[in-house]
Amino acid sequence: MPKRVQHAAVAMAAALLALTACQYEQGPAGRVVDRDKTYWPATKQWTYKLTVRKPDGTEATFKVKRSDYQSCPKQSTYPTCTEVR
């Protein structure tokens, strides 16, 4: 395989990996009981997490996008993030 083709293949694989790393799978449905955000100075990036209590009573913590973090206050129901009254 010529070097140019190899470099193109490596660049394509790196781009695909970068795109998939930016997306998170949706967490389980439940009531938001905790929110956490962490700043990583080495990479100058934030990590956003939600903790939900599932209908069976167990809790699950998972990474979310910034927009999901901002739209899901405590006591809202994930994934719709509507207020529970």
C-alpha atoms as a PDB file:
ATOM      1  CA  MET A   1       0.000   0.000   0.000  1.00  0.00           C
ATOM      2  CA  PRO A   2       1.474   3.386  -0.961  1.00  0.00           C
ATOM      3  CA  LYS A   3       2.388   5.749   1.901  1.00  0.00           C
ATOM      4  CA  ARG A   4      -0.163   8.339   0.773  1.00  0.00           C
ATOM      5  CA  VAL A   5      -2.987   5.795   1.010  1.00  0.00           C
ATOM      6  CA  GLN A   6      -1.749   4.622   4.423  1.00  0.00           C
ATOM      7  CA  HIS A   7      -1.686   8.185   5.743  1.00  0.00           C
ATOM      8  CA  ALA A   8      -5.181   8.819   4.410  1.00  0.00           C
ATOM      9  CA  ALA A   9      -6.475   5.643   6.063  1.00  0.00           C
ATOM     10  CA  VAL A  10      -4.899   6.575   9.402  1.00  0.00           C
ATOM     11  CA  ALA A  11      -6.300  10.114   9.189  1.00  0.00           C
ATOM     12  CA  MET A  12      -9.776   8.761   8.395  1.00  0.00           C
ATOM     13  CA  ALA A  13      -9.645   6.343  11.326  1.00  0.00           C
ATOM     14  CA  ALA A  14      -8.502   9.115  13.688  1.00  0.00           C
ATOM     15  CA  ALA A  15     -11.312  11.406  12.529  1.00  0.00           C
ATOM     16  CA  LEU A  16     -13.898   8.661  12.999  1.00  0.00           C
ATOM     17  CA  LEU A  17     -12.581   7.893  16.479  1.00  0.00           C
ATOM     18  CA  ALA A  18     -12.723  11.582  17.438  1.00  0.00           C
ATOM     19  CA  LEU A  19     -16.349  11.841  16.281  1.00  0.00           C
ATOM     20  CA  THR A  20     -17.475   8.758  18.175  1.00  0.00           C
ATOM     21  CA  ALA A  21     -15.672   9.845  21.343  1.00  0.00           C
ATOM     22  CA  CYS A  22     -17.734  13.049  21.467  1.00  0.00           C
ATOM     23  CA  GLN A  23     -21.055  11.233  21.679  1.00  0.00           C
ATOM     24  CA  TYR A  24     -22.405   9.438  24.718  1.00  0.00           C
ATOM     25  CA  GLU A  25     -24.984   6.720  24.874  1.00  0.00           C
ATOM     26  CA  GLN A  26     -28.187   7.778  26.536  1.00  0.00           C
ATOM     27  CA  GLY A  27     -28.342   6.798  30.191  1.00  0.00           C
ATOM     28  CA  PRO A  28     -31.213   4.937  31.838  1.00  0.00           C
ATOM     29  CA  ALA A  29     -34.500   6.676  32.508  1.00  0.00           C
ATOM     30  CA  GLY A  30     -35.087   7.917  36.025  1.00  0.00           C
ATOM     31  CA  ARG A  31     -35.187  10.903  38.372  1.00  0.00           C
ATOM     32  CA  VAL A  32     -32.048  13.072  38.471  1.00  0.00           C
ATOM     33  CA  VAL A  33     -30.658  12.889  42.020  1.00  0.00           C
ATOM     34  CA  ASP A  34     -27.198  14.377  41.455  1.00  0.00           C
ATOM     35  CA  ARG A  35     -25.212  16.337  38.877  1.00  0.00           C
ATOM     36  CA  ASP A  36     -21.454  16.657  38.607  1.00  0.00           C
ATOM     37  CA  LYS A  37     -19.104  18.581  36.361  1.00  0.00           C
ATOM     38  CA  THR A  38     -15.323  18.280  36.406  1.00  0.00           C
ATOM     39  CA  TYR A  39     -12.780  20.543  34.703  1.00  0.00           C
ATOM     40  CA  TRP A  40      -9.637  18.843  33.375  1.00  0.00           C
ATOM     41  CA  PRO A  41      -6.928  21.555  33.131  1.00  0.00           C
ATOM     42  CA  ALA A  42      -4.524  19.358  31.165  1.00  0.00           C
ATOM     43  CA  THR A  43      -6.990  19.074  28.282  1.00  0.00           C
ATOM     44  CA  LYS A  44      -8.969  22.249  29.062  1.00  0.00           C
ATOM     45  CA  GLN A  45     -12.235  20.329  28.875  1.00  0.00           C
ATOM     46  CA  TRP A  46     -15.231  19.696  31.096  1.00  0.00           C
ATOM     47  CA  THR A  47     -16.851  16.351  31.878  1.00  0.00           C
ATOM     48  CA  TYR A  48     -20.554  16.392  32.728  1.00  0.00           C
ATOM     49  CA  LYS A  49     -22.309  13.578  34.618  1.00  0.00           C
ATOM     50  CA  LEU A  50     -25.814  12.892  35.856  1.00  0.00           C
ATOM     51  CA  THR A  51     -26.880  10.398  38.501  1.00  0.00           C
ATOM     52  CA  VAL A  52     -30.424   9.075  38.203  1.00  0.00           C
ATOM     53  CA  ARG A  53     -32.517   6.858  40.451  1.00  0.00           C
ATOM     54  CA  LYS A  54     -34.119   4.231  38.248  1.00  0.00           C
ATOM     55  CA  PRO A  55     -37.663   2.934  38.836  1.00  0.00           C
ATOM     56  CA  ASP A  56     -36.251  -0.166  40.578  1.00  0.00           C
ATOM     57  CA  GLY A  57     -34.536   2.087  43.162  1.00  0.00           C
ATOM     58  CA  THR A  58     -30.944   1.645  41.991  1.00  0.00           C
ATOM     59  CA  GLU A  59     -28.794   4.593  40.943  1.00  0.00           C
ATOM     60  CA  ALA A  60     -26.770   5.004  37.764  1.00  0.00           C
ATOM     61  CA  THR A  61     -24.139   7.639  36.960  1.00  0.00           C
ATOM     62  CA  PHE A  62     -23.253   8.388  33.349  1.00  0.00           C
ATOM     63  CA  LYS A  63     -21.641  11.037  31.155  1.00  0.00           C
ATOM     64  CA  VAL A  64     -23.834  13.456  29.227  1.00  0.00           C
ATOM     65  CA  LYS A  65     -23.392  16.330  26.811  1.00  0.00           C
ATOM     66  CA  ARG A  66     -23.231  19.853  28.222  1.00  0.00           C
ATOM     67  CA  SER A  67     -26.677  20.676  26.824  1.00  0.00           C
ATOM     68  CA  ASP A  68     -28.217  17.675  28.629  1.00  0.00           C
ATOM     69  CA  TYR A  69     -26.440  18.654  31.856  1.00  0.00           C
ATOM     70  CA  GLN A  70     -27.757  22.207  31.612  1.00  0.00           C
ATOM     71  CA  SER A  71     -31.341  21.166  30.858  1.00  0.00           C
ATOM     72  CA  CYS A  72     -31.625  18.510  33.592  1.00  0.00           C
ATOM     73  CA  PRO A  73     -31.923  20.014  37.086  1.00  0.00           C
ATOM     74  CA  LYS A  74     -32.142  17.797  40.156  1.00  0.00           C
ATOM     75  CA  GLN A  75     -35.539  16.141  40.625  1.00  0.00           C
ATOM     76  CA  SER A  76     -36.294  16.245  36.879  1.00  0.00           C
ATOM     77  CA  THR A  77     -36.975  13.051  34.966  1.00  0.00           C
ATOM     78  CA  TYR A  78     -34.262  11.959  32.546  1.00  0.00           C
ATOM     79  CA  PRO A  79     -34.174  11.757  29.490  1.00  0.00           C
ATOM     80  CA  THR A  80     -36.989  14.260  28.914  1.00  0.00           C
ATOM     81  CA  CYS A  81     -35.755  16.404  31.849  1.00  0.00           C
ATOM     82  CA  THR A  82     -39.196  17.650  32.768  1.00  0.00           C
ATOM     83  CA  GLU A  83     -39.858  18.950  36.257  1.00  0.00           C
ATOM     84  CA  VAL A  84     -41.616  16.557  38.615  1.00  0.00           C
ATOM     85  CA  ARG A  85     -44.314  18.236  40.679  1.00  0.00           C
END
